[in-house]
Amino acid sequence: MKTHMESGAERKPGEINSVAVLGARLTWVMLGPAALLLITWGIVSRGSGWLTVLDAAFGVVVGLMVLGRWVEQRSGVATTVTGEPATPEHLKRYMTILIPATAAAWIIANVLGNHVLK
């Protein structure tokens, strides 16, 4: 059963027709990971404590990445990074990998910045 229609035409996976969906896709695919890399570098290099502005920014970016993936999934045109149509299972797998992986990266960055390299 196909539920996502626009102007009487079927929406195809990957067919972005909204600025919100474009922003969502760019956030979870490119901008979020790039921002996490820069923020992680800042946490390691500054080593100024565990709950700083950088740590809060890290959490916000992770949240925005999950939100971006969810918004794209809800749009009906979601794709995987390889361009295949995405399913709710892809979203679930994304979150079950992203959240523990970023939590581990955040802990390692803080241990390095606040204890090992200090």
Protein backbone atom coordinates (compact mmCIF):
# COMPACT_ATOMS: atom_id res chain seq x y z
CA MET A 1 0.00 0.00 0.00
CA LYS A 2 1.49 3.31 -1.07
CA THR A 3 0.55 6.22 1.12
CA HIS A 4 2.80 9.09 0.10
CA MET A 5 1.38 11.00 -2.82
CA GLU A 6 2.11 14.44 -4.11
CA SER A 7 0.04 16.21 -6.73
CA GLY A 8 -1.41 12.86 -7.72
CA ALA A 9 2.05 11.49 -8.58
CA GLU A 10 3.87 8.81 -6.64
CA ARG A 11 6.93 10.00 -4.72
CA LYS A 12 10.05 8.07 -5.53
CA PRO A 13 12.79 7.27 -2.99
CA GLY A 14 15.52 9.87 -3.15
CA GLU A 15 13.27 12.46 -4.81
CA ILE A 16 13.72 15.42 -2.49
CA ASN A 17 11.03 18.02 -2.99
CA SER A 18 11.24 19.88 0.31
CA VAL A 19 13.89 22.06 1.90
CA ALA A 20 13.15 20.36 5.24
CA VAL A 21 13.86 16.90 3.81
CA LEU A 22 17.02 18.17 2.11
CA GLY A 23 18.19 19.69 5.39
CA ALA A 24 17.34 16.49 7.24
CA ARG A 25 19.30 14.33 4.80
CA LEU A 26 22.30 16.67 4.79
CA THR A 27 22.27 16.69 8.60
CA TRP A 28 22.42 12.96 9.14
CA VAL A 29 24.68 12.18 6.18
CA MET A 30 27.21 15.03 6.07
CA LEU A 31 26.85 18.00 8.37
CA GLY A 32 26.26 16.02 11.57
CA PRO A 33 29.24 13.69 11.20
CA ALA A 34 31.50 16.61 10.20
CA ALA A 35 30.34 18.64 13.21
CA LEU A 36 30.88 15.65 15.53
CA LEU A 37 34.42 15.26 14.22
CA LEU A 38 35.22 18.91 14.91
CA ILE A 39 33.54 18.91 18.32
CA THR A 40 35.32 15.69 19.31
CA TRP A 41 38.63 17.26 18.33
CA GLY A 42 37.77 20.26 20.49
CA ILE A 43 36.92 18.06 23.48
CA VAL A 44 40.21 16.17 23.16
CA SER A 45 42.38 19.22 22.58
CA ARG A 46 40.87 21.46 25.27
CA GLY A 47 40.36 18.91 28.03
CA SER A 48 38.43 21.41 30.13
CA GLY A 49 36.04 19.08 31.96
CA TRP A 50 33.29 16.60 31.32
CA LEU A 51 30.21 18.77 31.01
CA THR A 52 31.23 21.76 28.94
CA VAL A 53 29.62 23.67 26.11
CA LEU A 54 31.38 21.33 23.66
CA ASP A 55 29.87 18.31 25.40
CA ALA A 56 26.41 19.87 25.16
CA ALA A 57 27.01 20.67 21.48
CA PHE A 58 28.03 17.05 20.91
CA GLY A 59 24.73 15.85 22.38
CA VAL A 60 22.72 18.38 20.37
CA VAL A 61 24.38 17.29 17.11
CA VAL A 62 23.68 13.61 17.84
CA GLY A 63 20.05 14.53 18.53
CA LEU A 64 19.85 16.50 15.28
CA MET A 65 21.27 13.56 13.34
CA VAL A 66 18.61 11.23 14.75
CA LEU A 67 15.92 13.85 14.09
CA GLY A 68 17.19 14.33 10.53
CA ARG A 69 17.05 10.61 9.81
CA TRP A 70 13.55 10.41 11.31
CA VAL A 71 12.27 13.42 9.31
CA GLU A 72 13.59 11.92 6.09
CA GLN A 73 12.04 8.54 6.92
CA ARG A 74 8.65 10.16 7.60
CA SER A 75 8.81 12.07 4.30
CA GLY A 76 8.31 8.90 2.26
CA VAL A 77 11.37 9.52 0.10
CA ALA A 78 14.05 8.23 2.47
CA THR A 79 17.06 6.44 1.09
CA THR A 80 20.10 4.77 2.53
CA VAL A 81 23.50 6.33 1.97
CA THR A 82 23.87 4.08 -1.05
CA GLY A 83 20.64 5.40 -2.59
CA GLU A 84 18.36 2.43 -1.94
CA PRO A 85 14.87 3.03 -0.49
CA ALA A 86 15.05 3.14 3.31
CA THR A 87 12.67 1.26 5.56
CA PRO A 88 11.77 1.77 9.23
CA GLU A 89 14.29 -1.01 9.96
CA HIS A 90 17.04 1.19 8.52
CA LEU A 91 16.04 3.98 10.90
CA LYS A 92 16.03 1.59 13.86
CA ARG A 93 19.44 0.18 12.90
CA TYR A 94 20.82 3.71 12.41
CA MET A 95 19.78 4.71 15.93
CA THR A 96 20.96 1.48 17.57
CA ILE A 97 24.40 1.99 16.04
CA LEU A 98 24.69 5.80 16.20
CA ILE A 99 23.76 6.34 19.84
CA PRO A 100 26.13 3.79 21.45
CA ALA A 101 28.94 4.64 18.99
CA THR A 102 28.72 8.37 19.65
CA ALA A 103 28.41 7.80 23.41
CA ALA A 104 31.62 5.74 23.28
CA ALA A 105 33.36 8.39 21.16
CA TRP A 106 32.30 11.11 23.62
CA ILE A 107 33.60 9.13 26.61
CA ILE A 108 36.90 8.34 24.89
CA ALA A 109 37.34 11.98 23.84
CA ASN A 110 36.76 13.17 27.40
CA VAL A 111 39.07 10.55 28.91
CA LEU A 112 41.80 11.51 26.44
CA GLY A 113 41.31 15.25 26.83
CA ASN A 114 40.75 15.39 30.56
CA HIS A 115 42.99 12.60 31.86
CA VAL A 116 45.42 11.05 29.37
CA LEU A 117 46.70 14.07 27.42
CA LYS A 118 46.40 16.63 30.21
